[in-house]
Amino acid sequence: MYGIEVKDVSAGYRSKVIVKDVDLDLRGTGVFTIIGPNGSGKTTLLRVIAGVLKPYRGDVLIDGVSIYRDSEVKKVIGYMPADIGLLPRLTLYDNLRLFAELLGYGRDFVEERLEVLKKYIQVDDILYMKVGAMSTGQKVRAGLIRALIHDPKILILDEPTRGLDAVFAKHVRALIQELARDRLVIMTTHLLHEVLELSNYVAVLQRGKLVFKGSINELRRVLADKPVTLYVRTTTNIDDVLKNLGIEFTKRAFGDYIIKLPNLNLMPTLLRELSTSTNIIEFREDLDELVKALYEG
């Protein structure tokens, strides 16, 4: 297995530093998640790790080799940016052929890999569709296929479930768990419940600085007694569910709630109750509040 070292990295755009003095050592298989509020530097750090954005200072090494000095080592990385990163006027198939050619692979390689990927992802219905005409869910599938076409051992995903409905987001999370059995998956998300479900290890960014890095169990321990504010939208009234659980809430409109959990341990119970009694349209946490608790701790 390949390991990635992020060594004293500072990076940004147009001389503005977004990420400062970041050190990480990622090895083995599993899911490593980077979280933080909007503007904390998650995407910038991910672009540096993927070899897309050269840092102002520091380096990224794969098995001791700099990805910025030896481009061949980047071939073990598969990267799906937040904008999916495919040419919109080309079909998915043409995007895959172009990408494979840039990596030095031929047409037969794409065909062989597609047969393997079909075991994990539905391909046939979008293969000859122009990317610009795809729905959000179809684009995510297309982006995952492109990121996996060369069988990378390090998969980097920037908020892979953003904008997806609850059903398809659940499918993508299950796929990530399956892929992480034999590779390292590095991903960002703005959803704490997604972190708790998927992650083996976690890094938390605040204004470009690491305020936490450790195992998911360490994060659970740190946040165990911290209050959590949730924003939830559902298709039905959930007043009775919340009252029965003894949870404080404010109702903004029909099916639109601000929920105050006294601690993180109540979240699985709440999610289970909501999943069985209603259709969740949106479920997100106030990450600013949680990161502040981590930072002050």
C-alpha atoms as a PDB file:
ATOM      1  CA  MET A   1       0.000   0.000   0.000  1.00  0.00           C
ATOM      2  CA  TYR A   2       1.042   3.566  -0.682  1.00  0.00           C
ATOM      3  CA  GLY A   3       1.402   6.235   1.983  1.00  0.00           C
ATOM      4  CA  ILE A   4       1.169  10.013   1.648  1.00  0.00           C
ATOM      5  CA  GLU A   5       3.152  12.517   3.690  1.00  0.00           C
ATOM      6  CA  VAL A   6       2.060  16.151   3.726  1.00  0.00           C
ATOM      7  CA  LYS A   7       5.099  18.001   5.026  1.00  0.00           C
ATOM      8  CA  ASP A   8       4.835  21.569   6.360  1.00  0.00           C
ATOM      9  CA  VAL A   9       2.490  22.639   3.541  1.00  0.00           C
ATOM     10  CA  SER A  10       1.342  26.221   3.083  1.00  0.00           C
ATOM     11  CA  ALA A  11      -0.682  26.990  -0.054  1.00  0.00           C
ATOM     12  CA  GLY A  12      -3.188  29.361  -1.589  1.00  0.00           C
ATOM     13  CA  TYR A  13      -3.953  31.512  -4.599  1.00  0.00           C
ATOM     14  CA  ARG A  14      -2.505  34.786  -5.942  1.00  0.00           C
ATOM     15  CA  SER A  15      -0.100  35.113  -3.008  1.00  0.00           C
ATOM     16  CA  LYS A  16      -2.934  34.720  -0.473  1.00  0.00           C
ATOM     17  CA  VAL A  17      -2.182  31.893   1.959  1.00  0.00           C
ATOM     18  CA  ILE A  18      -5.259  29.675   2.550  1.00  0.00           C
ATOM     19  CA  VAL A  19      -3.651  26.611   4.182  1.00  0.00           C
ATOM     20  CA  LYS A  20      -0.863  27.082   6.728  1.00  0.00           C
ATOM     21  CA  ASP A  21       1.812  24.735   8.093  1.00  0.00           C
ATOM     22  CA  VAL A  22      -0.099  21.464   7.573  1.00  0.00           C
ATOM     23  CA  ASP A  23       1.593  18.155   8.435  1.00  0.00           C
ATOM     24  CA  LEU A  24      -0.139  14.809   7.840  1.00  0.00           C
ATOM     25  CA  ASP A  25       1.046  11.208   7.525  1.00  0.00           C
ATOM     26  CA  LEU A  26      -1.567   8.971   5.857  1.00  0.00           C
ATOM     27  CA  ARG A  27      -0.938   5.256   5.426  1.00  0.00           C
ATOM     28  CA  GLY A  28      -2.771   2.002   4.823  1.00  0.00           C
ATOM     29  CA  THR A  29      -6.372   1.569   3.728  1.00  0.00           C
ATOM     30  CA  GLY A  30      -9.582   3.202   4.928  1.00  0.00           C
ATOM     31  CA  VAL A  31     -11.201   6.633   4.811  1.00  0.00           C
ATOM     32  CA  PHE A  32      -9.391   9.790   5.914  1.00  0.00           C
ATOM     33  CA  THR A  33     -11.787  12.732   6.106  1.00  0.00           C
ATOM     34  CA  ILE A  34     -10.988  16.443   6.159  1.00  0.00           C
ATOM     35  CA  ILE A  35     -13.701  18.641   7.639  1.00  0.00           C
ATOM     36  CA  GLY A  36     -14.159  22.278   8.582  1.00  0.00           C
ATOM     37  CA  PRO A  37     -16.440  25.275   8.041  1.00  0.00           C
ATOM     38  CA  ASN A  38     -16.783  26.956   4.637  1.00  0.00           C
ATOM     39  CA  GLY A  39     -13.575  28.796   3.794  1.00  0.00           C
ATOM     40  CA  SER A  40     -11.420  26.741   6.148  1.00  0.00           C
ATOM     41  CA  GLY A  41      -9.163  25.473   3.332  1.00  0.00           C
ATOM     42  CA  LYS A  42     -10.485  21.928   2.751  1.00  0.00           C
ATOM     43  CA  THR A  43     -10.529  22.117  -1.045  1.00  0.00           C
ATOM     44  CA  THR A  44      -7.174  23.919  -1.201  1.00  0.00           C
ATOM     45  CA  LEU A  45      -5.520  21.211   0.901  1.00  0.00           C
ATOM     46  CA  LEU A  46      -7.122  18.472  -1.191  1.00  0.00           C
ATOM     47  CA  ARG A  47      -5.843  20.087  -4.422  1.00  0.00           C
ATOM     48  CA  VAL A  48      -2.329  20.156  -2.975  1.00  0.00           C
ATOM     49  CA  ILE A  49      -2.498  16.483  -1.946  1.00  0.00           C
ATOM     50  CA  ALA A  50      -3.829  15.549  -5.399  1.00  0.00           C
ATOM     51  CA  GLY A  51      -0.901  17.323  -7.067  1.00  0.00           C
ATOM     52  CA  VAL A  52      -3.110  19.914  -8.778  1.00  0.00           C
ATOM     53  CA  LEU A  53      -1.980  22.945  -6.768  1.00  0.00           C
ATOM     54  CA  LYS A  54       1.713  23.407  -5.989  1.00  0.00           C
ATOM     55  CA  PRO A  55       2.208  24.690  -2.437  1.00  0.00           C
ATOM     56  CA  TYR A  56       4.085  27.893  -1.604  1.00  0.00           C
ATOM     57  CA  ARG A  57       6.077  25.921   0.934  1.00  0.00           C
ATOM     58  CA  GLY A  58       6.403  22.259   1.868  1.00  0.00           C
ATOM     59  CA  ASP A  59       5.915  19.091  -0.144  1.00  0.00           C
ATOM     60  CA  VAL A  60       3.686  16.042  -0.678  1.00  0.00           C
ATOM     61  CA  LEU A  61       5.439  12.665  -0.815  1.00  0.00           C
ATOM     62  CA  ILE A  62       4.158   9.271  -1.899  1.00  0.00           C
ATOM     63  CA  ASP A  63       6.424   6.570  -0.479  1.00  0.00           C
ATOM     64  CA  GLY A  64       9.131   9.191  -0.062  1.00  0.00           C
ATOM     65  CA  VAL A  65       8.881  10.556  -3.632  1.00  0.00           C
ATOM     66  CA  SER A  66       7.688  14.129  -4.228  1.00  0.00           C
ATOM     67  CA  ILE A  67       4.629  14.307  -6.481  1.00  0.00           C
ATOM     68  CA  TYR A  68       5.880  17.691  -7.670  1.00  0.00           C
ATOM     69  CA  ARG A  69       9.304  16.399  -8.735  1.00  0.00           C
ATOM     70  CA  ASP A  70       8.249  13.077 -10.272  1.00  0.00           C
ATOM     71  CA  SER A  71       4.934  13.195 -12.162  1.00  0.00           C
ATOM     72  CA  GLU A  72       4.928   9.402 -12.661  1.00  0.00           C
ATOM     73  CA  VAL A  73       4.131   8.877  -8.981  1.00  0.00           C
ATOM     74  CA  LYS A  74       0.832  10.750  -9.468  1.00  0.00           C
ATOM     75  CA  LYS A  75      -0.507   7.769 -11.425  1.00  0.00           C
ATOM     76  CA  VAL A  76      -1.401   6.046  -8.155  1.00  0.00           C
ATOM     77  CA  ILE A  77      -3.825   8.932  -7.394  1.00  0.00           C
ATOM     78  CA  GLY A  78      -7.426   9.184  -8.567  1.00  0.00           C
ATOM     79  CA  TYR A  79      -8.983  12.622  -8.024  1.00  0.00           C
ATOM     80  CA  MET A  80     -12.571  13.870  -8.282  1.00  0.00           C
ATOM     81  CA  PRO A  81     -12.813  17.640  -7.685  1.00  0.00           C
ATOM     82  CA  ALA A  82     -15.983  19.351  -6.471  1.00  0.00           C
ATOM     83  CA  ASP A  83     -16.805  20.426 -10.055  1.00  0.00           C
ATOM     84  CA  ILE A  84     -16.299  16.776 -11.189  1.00  0.00           C
ATOM     85  CA  GLY A  85     -13.511  17.794 -13.595  1.00  0.00           C
ATOM     86  CA  LEU A  86     -14.897  16.412 -16.875  1.00  0.00           C
ATOM     87  CA  LEU A  87     -15.166  18.171 -20.246  1.00  0.00           C
ATOM     88  CA  PRO A  88     -18.884  19.015 -20.601  1.00  0.00           C
ATOM     89  CA  ARG A  89     -19.074  18.860 -24.415  1.00  0.00           C
ATOM     90  CA  LEU A  90     -17.654  15.337 -24.553  1.00  0.00           C
ATOM     91  CA  THR A  91     -19.381  12.110 -23.642  1.00  0.00           C
ATOM     92  CA  LEU A  92     -18.201  10.240 -20.573  1.00  0.00           C
ATOM     93  CA  TYR A  93     -16.616   7.615 -22.842  1.00  0.00           C
ATOM     94  CA  ASP A  94     -14.636  10.253 -24.760  1.00  0.00           C
ATOM     95  CA  ASN A  95     -13.538  11.824 -21.458  1.00  0.00           C
ATOM     96  CA  LEU A  96     -12.295   8.434 -20.293  1.00  0.00           C
ATOM     97  CA  ARG A  97     -10.404   7.755 -23.518  1.00  0.00           C
ATOM     98  CA  LEU A  98      -8.743  11.184 -23.358  1.00  0.00           C
ATOM     99  CA  PHE A  99      -7.786  10.723 -19.716  1.00  0.00           C
ATOM    100  CA  ALA A 100      -6.393   7.236 -20.383  1.00  0.00           C
ATOM    101  CA  GLU A 101      -4.356   8.520 -23.328  1.00  0.00           C
ATOM    102  CA  LEU A 102      -2.852  11.273 -21.162  1.00  0.00           C
ATOM    103  CA  LEU A 103      -1.753   8.568 -18.709  1.00  0.00           C
ATOM    104  CA  GLY A 104      -0.305   6.459 -21.523  1.00  0.00           C
ATOM    105  CA  TYR A 105      -3.030   3.797 -21.727  1.00  0.00           C
ATOM    106  CA  GLY A 106      -4.809   2.587 -24.879  1.00  0.00           C
ATOM    107  CA  ARG A 107      -8.441   2.002 -25.867  1.00  0.00           C
ATOM    108  CA  ASP A 108      -8.456  -1.638 -24.686  1.00  0.00           C
ATOM    109  CA  PHE A 109      -7.462  -0.527 -21.188  1.00  0.00           C
ATOM    110  CA  VAL A 110     -10.574   1.658 -20.880  1.00  0.00           C
ATOM    111  CA  GLU A 111     -12.840  -1.167 -22.045  1.00  0.00           C
ATOM    112  CA  GLU A 112     -11.294  -3.644 -19.599  1.00  0.00           C
ATOM    113  CA  ARG A 113     -11.518  -1.243 -16.639  1.00  0.00           C
ATOM    114  CA  LEU A 114     -15.133  -0.356 -17.424  1.00  0.00           C
ATOM    115  CA  GLU A 115     -16.079  -4.022 -17.159  1.00  0.00           C
ATOM    116  CA  VAL A 116     -14.526  -4.112 -13.679  1.00  0.00           C
ATOM    117  CA  LEU A 117     -16.124  -0.823 -12.566  1.00  0.00           C
ATOM    118  CA  LYS A 118     -19.596  -1.965 -13.604  1.00  0.00           C
ATOM    119  CA  LYS A 119     -19.539  -4.229 -10.556  1.00  0.00           C
ATOM    120  CA  TYR A 120     -19.503  -1.100  -8.372  1.00  0.00           C
ATOM    121  CA  ILE A 121     -21.121   1.703 -10.381  1.00  0.00           C
ATOM    122  CA  GLN A 122     -23.928   1.855 -12.937  1.00  0.00           C
ATOM    123  CA  VAL A 123     -22.195   2.865 -16.176  1.00  0.00           C
ATOM    124  CA  ASP A 124     -24.154   1.917 -19.309  1.00  0.00           C
ATOM    125  CA  ASP A 125     -26.864   4.594 -19.122  1.00  0.00           C
ATOM    126  CA  ILE A 126     -24.378   7.512 -19.016  1.00  0.00           C
ATOM    127  CA  LEU A 127     -21.393   6.177 -20.971  1.00  0.00           C
ATOM    128  CA  TYR A 128     -22.330   7.894 -24.257  1.00  0.00           C
ATOM    129  CA  MET A 129     -24.093  10.890 -22.721  1.00  0.00           C
ATOM    130  CA  LYS A 130     -22.491  14.343 -22.923  1.00  0.00           C
ATOM    131  CA  VAL A 131     -21.377  15.365 -19.448  1.00  0.00           C
ATOM    132  CA  GLY A 132     -22.972  18.805 -19.780  1.00  0.00           C
ATOM    133  CA  ALA A 133     -26.404  17.184 -20.176  1.00  0.00           C
ATOM    134  CA  MET A 134     -26.112  15.021 -17.057  1.00  0.00           C
ATOM    135  CA  SER A 135     -27.966  15.508 -13.781  1.00  0.00           C
ATOM    136  CA  THR A 136     -25.994  16.106 -10.567  1.00  0.00           C
ATOM    137  CA  GLY A 137     -26.195  12.438  -9.612  1.00  0.00           C
ATOM    138  CA  GLN A 138     -25.098  11.303 -13.073  1.00  0.00           C
ATOM    139  CA  LYS A 139     -22.135  13.709 -12.992  1.00  0.00           C
ATOM    140  CA  VAL A 140     -21.021  12.295  -9.639  1.00  0.00           C
ATOM    141  CA  ARG A 141     -21.167   8.788 -11.073  1.00  0.00           C
ATOM    142  CA  ALA A 142     -19.217   9.946 -14.128  1.00  0.00           C
ATOM    143  CA  GLY A 143     -16.622  11.661 -11.946  1.00  0.00           C
ATOM    144  CA  LEU A 144     -16.149   8.563  -9.820  1.00  0.00           C
ATOM    145  CA  ILE A 145     -15.732   6.391 -12.909  1.00  0.00           C
ATOM    146  CA  ARG A 146     -13.076   8.756 -14.301  1.00  0.00           C
ATOM    147  CA  ALA A 147     -11.263   8.889 -10.939  1.00  0.00           C
ATOM    148  CA  LEU A 148     -11.216   5.075 -10.751  1.00  0.00           C
ATOM    149  CA  ILE A 149     -10.563   4.190 -14.389  1.00  0.00           C
ATOM    150  CA  HIS A 150      -6.812   3.622 -13.853  1.00  0.00           C
ATOM    151  CA  ASP A 151      -7.296   1.630 -10.617  1.00  0.00           C
ATOM    152  CA  PRO A 152      -5.622   4.136  -8.267  1.00  0.00           C
ATOM    153  CA  LYS A 153      -4.551   3.058  -4.794  1.00  0.00           C
ATOM    154  CA  ILE A 154      -5.158   6.561  -3.430  1.00  0.00           C
ATOM    155  CA  LEU A 155      -8.585   8.042  -4.175  1.00  0.00           C
ATOM    156  CA  ILE A 156      -9.184  11.747  -3.454  1.00  0.00           C
ATOM    157  CA  LEU A 157     -12.784  13.040  -3.400  1.00  0.00           C
ATOM    158  CA  ASP A 158     -13.920  16.628  -2.795  1.00  0.00           C
ATOM    159  CA  GLU A 159     -17.374  16.547  -1.129  1.00  0.00           C
ATOM    160  CA  PRO A 160     -18.605  13.566  -3.203  1.00  0.00           C
ATOM    161  CA  THR A 161     -22.186  13.656  -1.824  1.00  0.00           C
ATOM    162  CA  ARG A 162     -22.768  17.408  -2.086  1.00  0.00           C
ATOM    163  CA  GLY A 163     -26.020  18.238  -3.882  1.00  0.00           C
ATOM    164  CA  LEU A 164     -27.230  14.624  -3.947  1.00  0.00           C
ATOM    165  CA  ASP A 165     -30.588  13.435  -2.671  1.00  0.00           C
ATOM    166  CA  ALA A 166     -30.552  11.348   0.503  1.00  0.00           C
ATOM    167  CA  VAL A 167     -31.027   8.005  -1.305  1.00  0.00           C
ATOM    168  CA  PHE A 168     -28.198   8.454  -3.811  1.00  0.00           C
ATOM    169  CA  ALA A 169     -25.917   9.996  -1.160  1.00  0.00           C
ATOM    170  CA  LYS A 170     -26.387   6.826   0.888  1.00  0.00           C
ATOM    171  CA  HIS A 171     -25.416   4.746  -2.165  1.00  0.00           C
ATOM    172  CA  VAL A 172     -22.262   6.840  -2.712  1.00  0.00           C
ATOM    173  CA  ARG A 173     -21.255   6.447   0.945  1.00  0.00           C
ATOM    174  CA  ALA A 174     -21.668   2.665   0.661  1.00  0.00           C
ATOM    175  CA  LEU A 175     -19.502   2.706  -2.489  1.00  0.00           C
ATOM    176  CA  ILE A 176     -16.792   4.711  -0.683  1.00  0.00           C
ATOM    177  CA  GLN A 177     -16.755   2.171   2.136  1.00  0.00           C
ATOM    178  CA  GLU A 178     -16.382  -0.651  -0.395  1.00  0.00           C
ATOM    179  CA  LEU A 179     -13.560   1.109  -2.253  1.00  0.00           C
ATOM    180  CA  ALA A 180     -11.720   1.846   1.007  1.00  0.00           C
ATOM    181  CA  ARG A 181     -11.309  -1.872   1.727  1.00  0.00           C
ATOM    182  CA  ASP A 182      -8.199  -2.027  -0.446  1.00  0.00           C
ATOM    183  CA  ARG A 183      -7.142   1.602  -0.939  1.00  0.00           C
ATOM    184  CA  LEU A 184      -6.726   4.887   0.887  1.00  0.00           C
ATOM    185  CA  VAL A 185      -9.654   7.265   0.346  1.00  0.00           C
ATOM    186  CA  ILE A 186      -9.076  10.918   1.236  1.00  0.00           C
ATOM    187  CA  MET A 187     -12.220  13.025   1.141  1.00  0.00           C
ATOM    188  CA  THR A 188     -13.737  16.276   2.322  1.00  0.00           C
ATOM    189  CA  THR A 189     -17.272  16.775   3.578  1.00  0.00           C
ATOM    190  CA  HIS A 190     -19.339  19.386   5.385  1.00  0.00           C
ATOM    191  CA  LEU A 191     -21.486  16.726   7.077  1.00  0.00           C
ATOM    192  CA  LEU A 192     -20.463  15.465  10.508  1.00  0.00           C
ATOM    193  CA  HIS A 193     -22.802  12.458  10.377  1.00  0.00           C
ATOM    194  CA  GLU A 194     -21.045  11.413   7.154  1.00  0.00           C
ATOM    195  CA  VAL A 195     -17.706  11.651   8.965  1.00  0.00           C
ATOM    196  CA  LEU A 196     -18.983   9.468  11.797  1.00  0.00           C
ATOM    197  CA  GLU A 197     -20.348   6.875   9.374  1.00  0.00           C
ATOM    198  CA  LEU A 198     -17.367   6.600   7.019  1.00  0.00           C
ATOM    199  CA  SER A 199     -14.127   7.726   8.603  1.00  0.00           C
ATOM    200  CA  ASN A 200     -11.228   5.858  10.115  1.00  0.00           C
ATOM    201  CA  TYR A 201      -9.197   9.027  10.592  1.00  0.00           C
ATOM    202  CA  VAL A 202     -10.113  12.709  10.631  1.00  0.00           C
ATOM    203  CA  ALA A 203      -8.437  16.111  10.255  1.00  0.00           C
ATOM    204  CA  VAL A 204     -10.269  19.318  11.191  1.00  0.00           C
ATOM    205  CA  LEU A 205      -9.334  22.657   9.634  1.00  0.00           C
ATOM    206  CA  GLN A 206     -10.080  26.103  11.028  1.00  0.00           C
ATOM    207  CA  ARG A 207      -8.938  29.126   8.975  1.00  0.00           C
ATOM    208  CA  GLY A 208      -6.355  27.017   7.194  1.00  0.00           C
ATOM    209  CA  LYS A 209      -4.791  25.534  10.330  1.00  0.00           C
ATOM    210  CA  LEU A 210      -5.167  21.994  11.642  1.00  0.00           C
ATOM    211  CA  VAL A 211      -6.980  22.094  14.983  1.00  0.00           C
ATOM    212  CA  PHE A 212      -7.418  18.315  15.242  1.00  0.00           C
ATOM    213  CA  LYS A 213      -6.049  15.146  13.655  1.00  0.00           C
ATOM    214  CA  GLY A 214      -6.620  11.633  14.926  1.00  0.00           C
ATOM    215  CA  SER A 215      -8.790   8.538  14.750  1.00  0.00           C
ATOM    216  CA  ILE A 216     -12.570   8.686  14.532  1.00  0.00           C
ATOM    217  CA  ASN A 217     -12.764   7.289  18.075  1.00  0.00           C
ATOM    218  CA  GLU A 218     -10.571  10.127  19.335  1.00  0.00           C
ATOM    219  CA  LEU A 219     -12.880  12.644  17.634  1.00  0.00           C
ATOM    220  CA  ARG A 220     -15.916  10.988  19.216  1.00  0.00           C
ATOM    221  CA  ARG A 221     -14.307  11.259  22.641  1.00  0.00           C
ATOM    222  CA  VAL A 222     -13.440  14.930  22.181  1.00  0.00           C
ATOM    223  CA  LEU A 223     -16.972  15.788  21.017  1.00  0.00           C
ATOM    224  CA  ALA A 224     -18.845  13.409  23.349  1.00  0.00           C
ATOM    225  CA  ASP A 225     -20.013  16.122  25.748  1.00  0.00           C
ATOM    226  CA  LYS A 226     -20.265  18.978  23.207  1.00  0.00           C
ATOM    227  CA  PRO A 227     -23.690  20.302  22.098  1.00  0.00           C
ATOM    228  CA  VAL A 228     -24.607  19.957  18.414  1.00  0.00           C
ATOM    229  CA  THR A 229     -26.894  22.245  16.389  1.00  0.00           C
ATOM    230  CA  LEU A 230     -28.618  20.594  13.416  1.00  0.00           C
ATOM    231  CA  TYR A 231     -30.553  22.005  10.472  1.00  0.00           C
ATOM    232  CA  VAL A 232     -33.125  19.504   9.229  1.00  0.00           C
ATOM    233  CA  ARG A 233     -35.718  19.603   6.443  1.00  0.00           C
ATOM    234  CA  THR A 234     -38.165  16.748   5.997  1.00  0.00           C
ATOM    235  CA  THR A 235     -41.316  16.076   4.000  1.00  0.00           C
ATOM    236  CA  THR A 236     -43.436  15.695   7.142  1.00  0.00           C
ATOM    237  CA  ASN A 237     -43.976  17.151  10.590  1.00  0.00           C
ATOM    238  CA  ILE A 238     -41.507  15.621  13.090  1.00  0.00           C
ATOM    239  CA  ASP A 239     -42.581  17.476  16.238  1.00  0.00           C
ATOM    240  CA  ASP A 240     -43.749  14.287  17.960  1.00  0.00           C
ATOM    241  CA  VAL A 241     -40.530  12.406  17.130  1.00  0.00           C
ATOM    242  CA  LEU A 242     -38.416  15.166  18.656  1.00  0.00           C
ATOM    243  CA  LYS A 243     -40.649  15.530  21.709  1.00  0.00           C
ATOM    244  CA  ASN A 244     -40.576  11.775  22.370  1.00  0.00           C
ATOM    245  CA  LEU A 245     -36.759  11.878  22.306  1.00  0.00           C
ATOM    246  CA  GLY A 246     -36.739  14.878  24.635  1.00  0.00           C
ATOM    247  CA  ILE A 247     -34.813  16.997  22.117  1.00  0.00           C
ATOM    248  CA  GLU A 248     -34.988  20.796  22.074  1.00  0.00           C
ATOM    249  CA  PHE A 249     -35.982  22.284  18.699  1.00  0.00           C
ATOM    250  CA  THR A 250     -37.221  25.386  16.903  1.00  0.00           C
ATOM    251  CA  LYS A 251     -39.641  25.026  14.012  1.00  0.00           C
ATOM    252  CA  ARG A 252     -39.008  27.559  11.227  1.00  0.00           C
ATOM    253  CA  ALA A 253     -41.660  26.268   8.813  1.00  0.00           C
ATOM    254  CA  PHE A 254     -43.408  23.007   7.959  1.00  0.00           C
ATOM    255  CA  GLY A 255     -40.721  20.314   7.896  1.00  0.00           C
ATOM    256  CA  ASP A 256     -37.945  22.874   8.548  1.00  0.00           C
ATOM    257  CA  TYR A 257     -36.225  22.672  11.958  1.00  0.00           C
ATOM    258  CA  ILE A 258     -33.288  23.848  14.042  1.00  0.00           C
ATOM    259  CA  ILE A 259     -32.505  21.039  16.493  1.00  0.00           C
ATOM    260  CA  LYS A 260     -30.286  21.288  19.581  1.00  0.00           C
ATOM    261  CA  LEU A 261     -28.646  18.038  20.676  1.00  0.00           C
ATOM    262  CA  PRO A 262     -27.028  18.109  24.130  1.00  0.00           C
ATOM    263  CA  ASN A 263     -24.291  15.734  22.902  1.00  0.00           C
ATOM    264  CA  LEU A 264     -23.100  13.786  19.885  1.00  0.00           C
ATOM    265  CA  ASN A 265     -24.257  10.410  21.206  1.00  0.00           C
ATOM    266  CA  LEU A 266     -27.896  11.268  20.453  1.00  0.00           C
ATOM    267  CA  MET A 267     -27.268  11.747  16.730  1.00  0.00           C
ATOM    268  CA  PRO A 268     -27.471   8.061  15.639  1.00  0.00           C
ATOM    269  CA  THR A 269     -30.780   7.648  17.506  1.00  0.00           C
ATOM    270  CA  LEU A 270     -32.200  10.798  15.923  1.00  0.00           C
ATOM    271  CA  LEU A 271     -31.101   9.785  12.424  1.00  0.00           C
ATOM    272  CA  ARG A 272     -32.591   6.319  12.874  1.00  0.00           C
ATOM    273  CA  GLU A 273     -35.935   7.751  14.030  1.00  0.00           C
ATOM    274  CA  LEU A 274     -36.077  10.287  11.208  1.00  0.00           C
ATOM    275  CA  SER A 275     -35.144   7.688   8.584  1.00  0.00           C
ATOM    276  CA  THR A 276     -37.981   5.375   9.617  1.00  0.00           C
ATOM    277  CA  SER A 277     -40.662   8.056  10.030  1.00  0.00           C
ATOM    278  CA  THR A 278     -40.003  10.555   7.217  1.00  0.00           C
ATOM    279  CA  ASN A 279     -38.086  11.434   4.087  1.00  0.00           C
ATOM    280  CA  ILE A 280     -35.066  13.623   4.949  1.00  0.00           C
ATOM    281  CA  ILE A 281     -34.437  16.371   2.390  1.00  0.00           C
ATOM    282  CA  GLU A 282     -31.567  18.021   4.242  1.00  0.00           C
ATOM    283  CA  PHE A 283     -29.588  17.098   7.349  1.00  0.00           C
ATOM    284  CA  ARG A 284     -26.518  19.130   8.287  1.00  0.00           C
ATOM    285  CA  GLU A 285     -24.644  20.240  11.370  1.00  0.00           C
ATOM    286  CA  ASP A 286     -23.338  23.636  12.429  1.00  0.00           C
ATOM    287  CA  LEU A 287     -19.649  22.910  11.860  1.00  0.00           C
ATOM    288  CA  ASP A 288     -18.606  26.386  13.001  1.00  0.00           C
ATOM    289  CA  GLU A 289     -19.962  25.576  16.460  1.00  0.00           C
ATOM    290  CA  LEU A 290     -18.232  22.186  16.589  1.00  0.00           C
ATOM    291  CA  VAL A 291     -14.886  23.442  15.303  1.00  0.00           C
ATOM    292  CA  LYS A 292     -14.995  26.243  17.860  1.00  0.00           C
ATOM    293  CA  ALA A 293     -15.467  23.599  20.581  1.00  0.00           C
ATOM    294  CA  LEU A 294     -12.476  21.647  19.225  1.00  0.00           C
ATOM    295  CA  TYR A 295     -10.322  24.756  18.888  1.00  0.00           C
ATOM    296  CA  GLU A 296     -11.079  25.971  22.394  1.00  0.00           C
ATOM    297  CA  GLY A 297     -10.479  22.466  23.716  1.00  0.00           C
END
